[in-house]
Amino acid sequence: TTETTWLVPHFEKMLYDNAQLASLYLAASTALGRASYREVARGTLDFMLREMTSAQGGFYASFDADSGGEEGSFYVWTPAELEAVAGPVDGPALARLLGVTEGGNFEGKSILTRRGSSVAGDDALLQRWRGALLKHRATRPAPTLDQKIITAWNGLAIQAMARGYAVLGEARYLAAARKAAAFIWGRHRGGDGALLRSSTGGKARDPAVLDDHANLALGLVALHQADGDEEHLRRALTLVDAARRRFAHKEACFYLSAQGQQAPMGRQVPVYDGARPSGNGMLLHAMLALSVLTGKEVYRREVSACVAAQAEAMTRAGLGMASWWDLLELLRGPYYEVIIAGEPGAVHTEALLKAFRELDPHHALLIQVPAQGPTPATLKLLPLTEEKRALGGEATAYVCQHGSCKAPSHDPRVLRRQLLQGWNH
């Protein structure tokens, strides 16, 4: 918001805000058991699909704050408008529910809010009229849509969609994540394979910066977590290794721009989190996740060294470096790799997957292998899967850390208990 009462929003709608909000509400819904948070996440993801997705699958950058020459005019209401849509009984009831008054709370009209306690029937009332209100709002002059597709912001959107599928189980989110990832990988790379920053009208341009590599790599890791496709991990590894080559700083982790890349203000080293998490923090998260999944200890060592190098800055900045504090917590661990071996789609396999996804553990990553164990290709990419197979013909879960595993189990309750060990305090 733009002021301390949390009333007036930034009317400009940014892709990165919506993506991060969806991911946050998904995490909160599982951590706190709040169904209402799931609905906020679902509504946000559906908005992104409906309003911010290109035909080719990439996600557009933003909507302007202004429409018809006035800031926020697309989103504000009067009691008379609500009554014109919903009638003399439900119109005033909606006005009460949504804080719409004659005097308004923003330049003579009202920003919709829901504050205080709801009464019985409020949710049903809003759901009954939501479609009609949207239809009425669509008759107003619409804000301009910025159709630029930015790699880093799409990485955040891919993460949100992939996580939406994992938590909510709705296939449209997985399809959207896959389509966006395919678009970015296919269109946002140059002839030499180097990542590009953005595209408009299908034409990509400008060398990618650190944030593009980092957020897209994390998006691909999230997509692998959702569908198990190992190609996502191979691409994430390609991005991380390219970033390690092109952006490395001898003392402070990574530059924002590559050597030789145009940087009018000089080569910056972004470590502080703002409206978006820092490129350094996100690349280190991608490296740590890939270290857990692939066993590449060189990544873990580099992450540890970077966090140690920024310890003083972290102490000064506090939540201004939240992504780094999160890294420190994961480094302290335990950060688990969970291997589920079983026939895809089988009842016992799905029960174990459901237990993992209902917990939605931030401190664990999932690998799925067939009942008979990993294929040669999987074993090469993910050596920690060696000798992991379904025991006794029943899907089996292995909760491991650095290759050392707890007792294998067929029981979803045991899997949940093992995952919480070290974190349920």
Protein backbone atom coordinates (compact mmCIF):
# COMPACT_ATOMS: atom_id res chain seq x y z
CA THR A 1 0.00 0.00 0.00
CA THR A 2 0.95 3.65 -0.20
CA GLU A 3 0.06 4.68 3.36
CA THR A 4 0.07 3.38 6.91
CA THR A 5 -3.58 2.32 7.27
CA TRP A 6 -3.21 -0.31 4.52
CA LEU A 7 -6.11 1.17 2.58
CA VAL A 8 -4.81 2.74 -0.63
CA PRO A 9 -3.00 0.22 -2.84
CA HIS A 10 -0.45 0.75 -5.53
CA PHE A 11 -3.05 0.69 -8.29
CA GLU A 12 -0.38 -0.37 -10.77
CA LYS A 13 -0.61 -4.17 -10.93
CA MET A 14 2.82 -5.77 -11.24
CA LEU A 15 3.41 -9.37 -12.26
CA TYR A 16 6.09 -9.80 -9.62
CA ASP A 17 3.74 -8.62 -6.86
CA ASN A 18 0.96 -11.00 -7.86
CA ALA A 19 3.37 -13.91 -8.26
CA GLN A 20 4.94 -13.36 -4.84
CA LEU A 21 1.56 -12.83 -3.17
CA ALA A 22 0.21 -16.08 -4.63
CA SER A 23 3.27 -17.99 -3.37
CA LEU A 24 3.00 -16.34 0.04
CA TYR A 25 -0.68 -17.16 0.47
CA LEU A 26 -0.08 -20.76 -0.63
CA ALA A 27 2.65 -21.09 2.00
CA ALA A 28 0.48 -19.45 4.66
CA SER A 29 -2.49 -21.67 3.82
CA THR A 30 -0.52 -24.84 4.54
CA ALA A 31 1.49 -23.50 7.48
CA LEU A 32 -1.53 -22.02 9.26
CA GLY A 33 -4.32 -24.25 7.97
CA ARG A 34 -6.35 -21.32 6.65
CA ALA A 35 -8.72 -22.20 3.79
CA SER A 36 -9.34 -18.50 3.19
CA TYR A 37 -5.68 -18.05 2.27
CA ARG A 38 -6.01 -20.82 -0.32
CA GLU A 39 -8.84 -18.85 -1.91
CA VAL A 40 -6.75 -15.68 -2.04
CA ALA A 41 -3.97 -17.65 -3.72
CA ARG A 42 -6.41 -19.25 -6.17
CA GLY A 43 -7.96 -15.90 -7.03
CA THR A 44 -4.54 -14.34 -7.60
CA LEU A 45 -3.35 -17.19 -9.81
CA ASP A 46 -6.58 -17.09 -11.79
CA PHE A 47 -6.21 -13.33 -12.26
CA MET A 48 -2.72 -13.88 -13.65
CA LEU A 49 -4.04 -16.52 -16.04
CA ARG A 50 -7.01 -14.45 -17.11
CA GLU A 51 -5.46 -10.99 -17.41
CA MET A 52 -1.67 -11.27 -17.64
CA THR A 53 -0.93 -14.29 -19.85
CA SER A 54 0.08 -14.05 -23.50
CA ALA A 55 -1.23 -16.48 -26.10
CA GLN A 56 2.26 -18.00 -26.27
CA GLY A 57 2.35 -18.57 -22.52
CA GLY A 58 4.61 -15.82 -21.20
CA PHE A 59 3.30 -13.51 -18.47
CA TYR A 60 2.92 -9.79 -19.15
CA ALA A 61 4.68 -7.23 -16.96
CA SER A 62 2.02 -4.92 -15.51
CA PHE A 63 -1.16 -2.86 -15.70
CA ASP A 64 -0.98 0.92 -15.41
CA ALA A 65 -2.40 2.63 -12.32
CA ASP A 66 -4.42 5.10 -14.41
CA SER A 67 -7.45 4.54 -16.59
CA GLY A 68 -9.43 7.27 -18.27
CA GLY A 69 -6.78 9.69 -17.04
CA GLU A 70 -7.47 9.06 -13.33
CA GLU A 71 -5.49 6.95 -10.90
CA GLY A 72 -7.39 3.96 -9.58
CA SER A 73 -10.66 4.86 -11.31
CA PHE A 74 -11.05 1.34 -12.69
CA TYR A 75 -11.26 -0.13 -9.19
CA VAL A 76 -13.33 2.27 -7.06
CA TRP A 77 -17.09 2.21 -6.46
CA THR A 78 -20.07 4.21 -5.20
CA PRO A 79 -23.15 2.90 -3.33
CA ALA A 80 -25.28 3.82 -6.36
CA GLU A 81 -23.18 1.63 -8.67
CA LEU A 82 -23.48 -1.35 -6.34
CA GLU A 83 -27.23 -0.87 -6.09
CA ALA A 84 -27.52 -0.59 -9.88
CA VAL A 85 -25.84 -3.98 -10.22
CA ALA A 86 -27.21 -5.87 -7.21
CA GLY A 87 -30.54 -4.17 -6.52
CA PRO A 88 -32.01 -2.27 -3.55
CA VAL A 89 -31.52 -5.11 -1.03
CA ASP A 90 -28.19 -6.72 -1.93
CA GLY A 91 -26.63 -3.47 -3.17
CA PRO A 92 -26.59 -1.79 0.28
CA ALA A 93 -25.56 -5.10 1.86
CA LEU A 94 -22.56 -5.24 -0.48
CA ALA A 95 -21.74 -1.62 0.33
CA ARG A 96 -21.66 -2.48 4.05
CA LEU A 97 -19.54 -5.56 3.43
CA LEU A 98 -17.05 -3.79 1.16
CA GLY A 99 -16.80 -0.45 2.95
CA VAL A 100 -18.44 1.60 0.19
CA THR A 101 -19.89 4.87 1.50
CA GLU A 102 -21.42 8.04 0.09
CA GLY A 103 -18.40 10.13 1.00
CA GLY A 104 -15.94 7.47 -0.14
CA ASN A 105 -12.42 6.86 1.07
CA PHE A 106 -10.51 7.82 -2.09
CA GLU A 107 -11.25 10.98 -4.05
CA GLY A 108 -15.02 10.77 -3.48
CA LYS A 109 -15.36 7.06 -4.26
CA SER A 110 -14.54 3.91 -2.32
CA ILE A 111 -11.73 1.41 -2.57
CA LEU A 112 -13.24 -1.98 -1.75
CA THR A 113 -12.18 -3.34 1.64
CA ARG A 114 -13.31 -6.08 4.02
CA ARG A 115 -12.54 -5.14 7.60
CA GLY A 116 -13.85 -6.34 10.93
CA SER A 117 -16.03 -9.37 11.54
CA SER A 118 -18.21 -10.84 8.82
CA VAL A 119 -21.77 -11.91 9.48
CA ALA A 120 -23.46 -15.10 8.28
CA GLY A 121 -24.05 -15.05 4.56
CA ASP A 122 -21.41 -12.43 3.70
CA ASP A 123 -19.24 -14.83 1.71
CA ALA A 124 -22.26 -16.19 -0.17
CA LEU A 125 -23.44 -12.66 -0.90
CA LEU A 126 -20.11 -11.67 -2.41
CA GLN A 127 -19.82 -14.84 -4.43
CA ARG A 128 -23.36 -14.39 -5.74
CA TRP A 129 -22.58 -10.96 -7.15
CA ARG A 130 -18.86 -11.19 -7.92
CA GLY A 131 -19.39 -12.11 -11.58
CA ALA A 132 -21.89 -9.32 -12.15
CA LEU A 133 -19.63 -6.77 -10.46
CA LEU A 134 -16.72 -7.82 -12.67
CA LYS A 135 -18.93 -7.58 -15.74
CA HIS A 136 -20.00 -4.05 -14.76
CA ARG A 137 -16.42 -3.01 -14.03
CA ALA A 138 -15.36 -4.27 -17.47
CA THR A 139 -17.48 -1.51 -19.06
CA ARG A 140 -15.15 1.15 -17.63
CA PRO A 141 -12.04 2.41 -19.46
CA ALA A 142 -9.43 -0.23 -18.70
CA PRO A 143 -5.86 0.39 -17.52
CA THR A 144 -3.19 -0.08 -20.19
CA LEU A 145 -1.47 -3.46 -20.16
CA ASP A 146 2.32 -3.46 -20.55
CA GLN A 147 2.84 -6.50 -22.79
CA LYS A 148 6.55 -6.76 -22.14
CA ILE A 149 7.56 -10.25 -20.95
CA ILE A 150 10.45 -10.09 -18.47
CA THR A 151 12.45 -13.23 -17.77
CA ALA A 152 13.02 -12.66 -14.04
CA TRP A 153 9.39 -11.81 -13.34
CA ASN A 154 8.24 -14.83 -15.33
CA GLY A 155 10.50 -16.95 -13.14
CA LEU A 156 8.53 -15.76 -10.11
CA ALA A 157 5.25 -16.48 -11.93
CA ILE A 158 6.39 -19.99 -12.89
CA GLN A 159 7.24 -20.64 -9.24
CA ALA A 160 3.77 -19.48 -8.17
CA MET A 161 1.94 -21.55 -10.79
CA ALA A 162 3.97 -24.69 -10.09
CA ARG A 163 3.39 -24.31 -6.37
CA GLY A 164 -0.30 -23.63 -7.02
CA TYR A 165 -0.55 -27.02 -8.71
CA ALA A 166 1.35 -28.78 -5.92
CA VAL A 167 -0.76 -27.25 -3.13
CA LEU A 168 -4.16 -26.87 -4.81
CA GLY A 169 -3.93 -29.82 -7.21
CA GLU A 170 -5.41 -27.88 -10.14
CA ALA A 171 -3.96 -28.90 -13.48
CA ARG A 172 -4.40 -25.51 -15.15
CA TYR A 173 -1.66 -24.05 -12.99
CA LEU A 174 0.81 -26.77 -13.96
CA ALA A 175 -0.08 -26.31 -17.62
CA ALA A 176 0.52 -22.55 -17.31
CA ALA A 177 3.87 -23.05 -15.59
CA ARG A 178 5.02 -25.48 -18.26
CA LYS A 179 3.88 -23.24 -21.10
CA ALA A 180 5.59 -20.16 -19.65
CA ALA A 181 8.82 -22.07 -19.01
CA ALA A 182 8.80 -23.43 -22.56
CA PHE A 183 8.19 -19.95 -23.97
CA ILE A 184 11.01 -18.35 -22.00
CA TRP A 185 13.45 -21.15 -22.77
CA GLY A 186 12.53 -21.13 -26.45
CA ARG A 187 12.28 -17.36 -27.08
CA HIS A 188 14.45 -15.71 -24.43
CA ARG A 189 17.79 -17.14 -25.47
CA GLY A 190 20.16 -15.90 -28.12
CA GLY A 191 21.78 -17.92 -30.88
CA ASP A 192 24.63 -18.78 -28.53
CA GLY A 193 22.19 -20.05 -25.89
CA ALA A 194 22.74 -17.06 -23.60
CA LEU A 195 19.68 -15.92 -21.69
CA LEU A 196 17.95 -12.68 -22.74
CA ARG A 197 16.18 -10.16 -20.54
CA SER A 198 12.77 -9.54 -22.12
CA SER A 199 10.59 -9.69 -25.20
CA THR A 200 7.78 -7.67 -26.73
CA GLY A 201 5.67 -9.07 -29.54
CA GLY A 202 7.75 -12.23 -29.55
CA LYS A 203 11.07 -10.42 -30.20
CA ALA A 204 13.55 -10.92 -27.37
CA ARG A 205 16.34 -8.46 -26.64
CA ASP A 206 19.05 -7.37 -24.19
CA PRO A 207 21.39 -9.62 -22.24
CA ALA A 208 19.89 -11.14 -19.09
CA VAL A 209 21.01 -9.93 -15.67
CA LEU A 210 21.58 -11.92 -12.50
CA ASP A 211 17.91 -11.80 -11.45
CA ASP A 212 16.82 -13.37 -14.73
CA HIS A 213 19.09 -16.38 -14.27
CA ALA A 214 18.24 -16.74 -10.59
CA ASN A 215 14.45 -16.49 -10.73
CA LEU A 216 14.11 -18.61 -13.85
CA ALA A 217 16.33 -21.29 -12.30
CA LEU A 218 14.14 -21.32 -9.19
CA GLY A 219 11.02 -21.46 -11.38
CA LEU A 220 12.41 -24.52 -13.13
CA VAL A 221 13.23 -26.17 -9.79
CA ALA A 222 9.65 -25.52 -8.65
CA LEU A 223 8.34 -26.96 -11.90
CA HIS A 224 10.41 -30.11 -11.38
CA GLN A 225 8.94 -30.38 -7.90
CA ALA A 226 5.46 -30.23 -9.40
CA ASP A 227 5.79 -32.68 -12.30
CA GLY A 228 9.05 -34.58 -11.78
CA ASP A 229 10.38 -33.76 -15.27
CA GLU A 230 14.16 -33.88 -15.00
CA GLU A 231 14.69 -31.63 -18.03
CA HIS A 232 13.67 -28.71 -15.82
CA LEU A 233 16.60 -29.48 -13.51
CA ARG A 234 19.05 -29.77 -16.39
CA ARG A 235 18.00 -26.33 -17.59
CA ALA A 236 18.22 -24.91 -14.08
CA LEU A 237 21.77 -26.27 -13.78
CA THR A 238 22.65 -24.64 -17.11
CA LEU A 239 21.38 -21.28 -15.85
CA VAL A 240 23.15 -21.51 -12.51
CA ASP A 241 26.47 -22.46 -14.07
CA ALA A 242 26.14 -19.65 -16.62
CA ALA A 243 25.51 -17.19 -13.78
CA ARG A 244 28.48 -18.49 -11.81
CA ARG A 245 30.71 -17.89 -14.82
CA ARG A 246 29.35 -14.54 -15.98
CA PHE A 247 28.47 -12.68 -12.76
CA ALA A 248 30.99 -13.92 -10.19
CA HIS A 249 32.53 -11.40 -7.78
CA LYS A 250 35.70 -12.43 -5.97
CA GLU A 251 34.54 -11.22 -2.56
CA ALA A 252 30.83 -10.34 -2.65
CA CYS A 253 29.17 -13.27 -4.45
CA PHE A 254 27.66 -11.97 -7.72
CA TYR A 255 27.35 -8.82 -9.79
CA LEU A 256 24.01 -7.77 -11.26
CA SER A 257 25.48 -7.48 -14.77
CA ALA A 258 28.01 -9.57 -16.65
CA GLN A 259 31.52 -8.45 -17.57
CA GLY A 260 31.27 -6.28 -20.68
CA GLN A 261 27.50 -5.78 -20.26
CA GLN A 262 26.32 -2.18 -20.42
CA ALA A 263 26.07 -0.82 -16.85
CA PRO A 264 25.88 3.01 -16.76
CA MET A 265 26.09 3.10 -12.95
CA GLY A 266 28.91 0.57 -12.82
CA ARG A 267 28.64 -3.12 -11.94
CA GLN A 268 26.41 -3.32 -8.87
CA VAL A 269 26.27 -6.16 -6.32
CA PRO A 270 22.61 -6.43 -5.23
CA VAL A 271 22.24 -8.03 -1.80
CA TYR A 272 19.27 -6.19 -0.26
CA ASP A 273 15.70 -7.38 -0.76
CA GLY A 274 13.11 -4.83 -1.83
CA ALA A 275 9.87 -5.20 -3.76
CA ARG A 276 11.62 -8.20 -5.28
CA PRO A 277 14.17 -10.42 -3.55
CA SER A 278 17.79 -9.74 -4.46
CA GLY A 279 19.33 -11.56 -7.40
CA ASN A 280 22.12 -12.77 -5.14
CA GLY A 281 19.70 -14.22 -2.60
CA MET A 282 17.67 -15.97 -5.27
CA LEU A 283 20.66 -17.41 -7.13
CA LEU A 284 22.02 -18.79 -3.86
CA HIS A 285 18.63 -20.34 -3.13
CA ALA A 286 18.69 -22.01 -6.54
CA MET A 287 22.23 -23.27 -5.95
CA LEU A 288 21.36 -24.66 -2.53
CA ALA A 289 18.25 -26.42 -3.86
CA LEU A 290 20.21 -27.94 -6.73
CA SER A 291 22.91 -29.02 -4.28
CA VAL A 292 20.29 -30.88 -2.23
CA LEU A 293 18.81 -32.54 -5.31
CA THR A 294 21.97 -33.39 -7.25
CA GLY A 295 24.53 -33.74 -4.49
CA LYS A 296 26.76 -31.00 -5.96
CA GLU A 297 28.62 -29.98 -2.81
CA VAL A 298 30.48 -27.22 -4.65
CA TYR A 299 27.22 -25.28 -4.78
CA ARG A 300 26.64 -25.67 -1.05
CA ARG A 301 30.19 -24.53 -0.27
CA GLU A 302 29.77 -21.43 -2.43
CA VAL A 303 26.44 -20.62 -0.79
CA SER A 304 27.98 -20.99 2.68
CA ALA A 305 30.90 -18.75 1.73
CA CYS A 306 28.59 -16.07 0.35
CA VAL A 307 26.39 -16.06 3.44
CA ALA A 308 29.47 -15.84 5.67
CA ALA A 309 30.81 -12.94 3.58
CA GLN A 310 27.55 -11.03 4.07
CA ALA A 311 27.12 -11.79 7.79
CA GLU A 312 27.81 -8.23 8.91
CA ALA A 313 25.45 -6.78 6.30
CA MET A 314 22.76 -9.27 7.31
CA THR A 315 23.03 -8.20 10.95
CA ARG A 316 22.65 -4.54 9.99
CA ALA A 317 19.88 -5.05 7.44
CA GLY A 318 17.63 -7.51 9.31
CA LEU A 319 14.57 -8.21 7.17
CA GLY A 320 16.10 -6.07 4.44
CA MET A 321 18.04 -9.25 3.67
CA ALA A 322 15.28 -11.75 4.47
CA SER A 323 16.24 -14.06 1.62
CA TRP A 324 19.71 -14.41 3.15
CA TRP A 325 18.38 -15.21 6.63
CA ASP A 326 16.24 -17.87 4.97
CA LEU A 327 19.39 -19.28 3.36
CA LEU A 328 21.13 -19.37 6.72
CA GLU A 329 18.25 -21.30 8.27
CA LEU A 330 18.29 -23.83 5.42
CA LEU A 331 22.07 -24.20 5.66
CA ARG A 332 21.72 -24.94 9.38
CA GLY A 333 19.10 -27.46 8.33
CA PRO A 334 18.03 -30.06 8.17
CA TYR A 335 17.35 -29.53 4.46
CA TYR A 336 15.91 -32.85 3.31
CA GLU A 337 15.76 -34.61 -0.02
CA VAL A 338 12.70 -36.87 -0.13
CA ILE A 339 12.68 -39.73 -2.61
CA ILE A 340 9.37 -41.46 -3.26
CA ALA A 341 9.69 -44.71 -5.19
CA GLY A 342 6.47 -46.15 -6.57
CA GLU A 343 4.33 -46.67 -9.62
CA PRO A 344 3.09 -43.31 -10.92
CA GLY A 345 -0.60 -42.84 -10.18
CA ALA A 346 -0.83 -45.86 -7.86
CA VAL A 347 -2.85 -45.38 -4.68
CA HIS A 348 0.10 -45.83 -2.30
CA THR A 349 2.34 -43.52 -4.34
CA GLU A 350 -0.32 -40.81 -4.42
CA ALA A 351 -0.87 -41.13 -0.66
CA LEU A 352 2.81 -40.41 0.01
CA LEU A 353 2.85 -37.53 -2.46
CA LYS A 354 -0.28 -36.10 -0.86
CA ALA A 355 1.32 -36.21 2.60
CA PHE A 356 4.36 -34.35 1.29
CA ARG A 357 2.36 -31.71 -0.55
CA GLU A 358 -0.11 -31.12 2.25
CA LEU A 359 2.79 -30.33 4.54
CA ASP A 360 4.38 -28.21 1.77
CA PRO A 361 7.75 -28.24 3.54
CA HIS A 362 10.00 -25.29 2.74
CA HIS A 363 12.94 -27.32 4.03
CA ALA A 364 12.54 -30.38 1.77
CA LEU A 365 12.72 -31.19 -1.93
CA LEU A 366 11.01 -34.05 -3.71
CA ILE A 367 12.34 -36.62 -6.17
CA GLN A 368 10.06 -39.23 -7.73
CA VAL A 369 11.42 -42.51 -9.13
CA PRO A 370 9.69 -45.62 -10.52
CA ALA A 371 8.98 -48.55 -8.25
CA GLN A 372 11.97 -50.49 -9.59
CA GLY A 373 14.32 -47.59 -8.92
CA PRO A 374 15.94 -44.80 -10.93
CA THR A 375 16.67 -44.99 -14.64
CA PRO A 376 20.31 -44.57 -15.74
CA ALA A 377 19.54 -40.98 -16.79
CA THR A 378 18.02 -40.19 -13.40
CA LEU A 379 20.92 -41.81 -11.58
CA LYS A 380 23.41 -39.70 -13.51
CA LEU A 381 21.56 -36.47 -12.74
CA LEU A 382 20.43 -37.39 -9.22
CA PRO A 383 22.97 -39.84 -7.77
CA LEU A 384 21.25 -39.75 -4.36
CA THR A 385 18.50 -41.92 -5.88
CA GLU A 386 20.83 -44.93 -6.08
CA GLU A 387 19.21 -48.08 -4.64
CA LYS A 388 15.99 -46.23 -3.86
CA ARG A 389 13.11 -48.48 -4.89
CA ALA A 390 9.68 -49.56 -3.70
CA LEU A 391 10.15 -52.13 -0.95
CA GLY A 392 7.87 -55.14 -0.79
CA GLY A 393 6.01 -53.98 -3.88
CA GLU A 394 4.60 -50.92 -2.05
CA ALA A 395 5.48 -47.25 -2.63
CA THR A 396 8.29 -46.21 -0.29
CA ALA A 397 9.47 -42.82 0.99
CA TYR A 398 13.08 -42.06 1.88
CA VAL A 399 13.80 -38.90 3.90
CA CYS A 400 17.49 -38.12 3.54
CA GLN A 401 20.08 -35.46 4.29
CA HIS A 402 23.40 -35.40 2.43
CA GLY A 403 22.63 -38.96 1.29
CA SER A 404 22.08 -40.29 4.82
CA CYS A 405 18.49 -41.52 5.13
CA LYS A 406 16.03 -42.23 7.89
CA ALA A 407 14.26 -45.58 7.95
CA PRO A 408 12.27 -46.05 4.69
CA SER A 409 8.52 -46.00 5.17
CA HIS A 410 5.27 -46.82 3.37
CA ASP A 411 3.20 -44.79 5.86
CA PRO A 412 2.25 -41.16 5.04
CA ARG A 413 2.06 -40.40 8.77
CA VAL A 414 5.63 -41.57 9.29
CA LEU A 415 6.75 -39.50 6.29
CA ARG A 416 5.17 -36.42 7.81
CA ARG A 417 6.75 -37.09 11.20
CA GLN A 418 10.19 -37.60 9.66
CA LEU A 419 9.91 -34.39 7.64
CA LEU A 420 9.10 -32.36 10.76
CA GLN A 421 12.05 -33.67 12.75
CA GLY A 422 14.39 -30.79 13.42
CA TRP A 423 11.76 -28.19 12.48
CA ASN A 424 8.72 -28.81 14.70
CA HIS A 425 9.92 -26.71 17.62
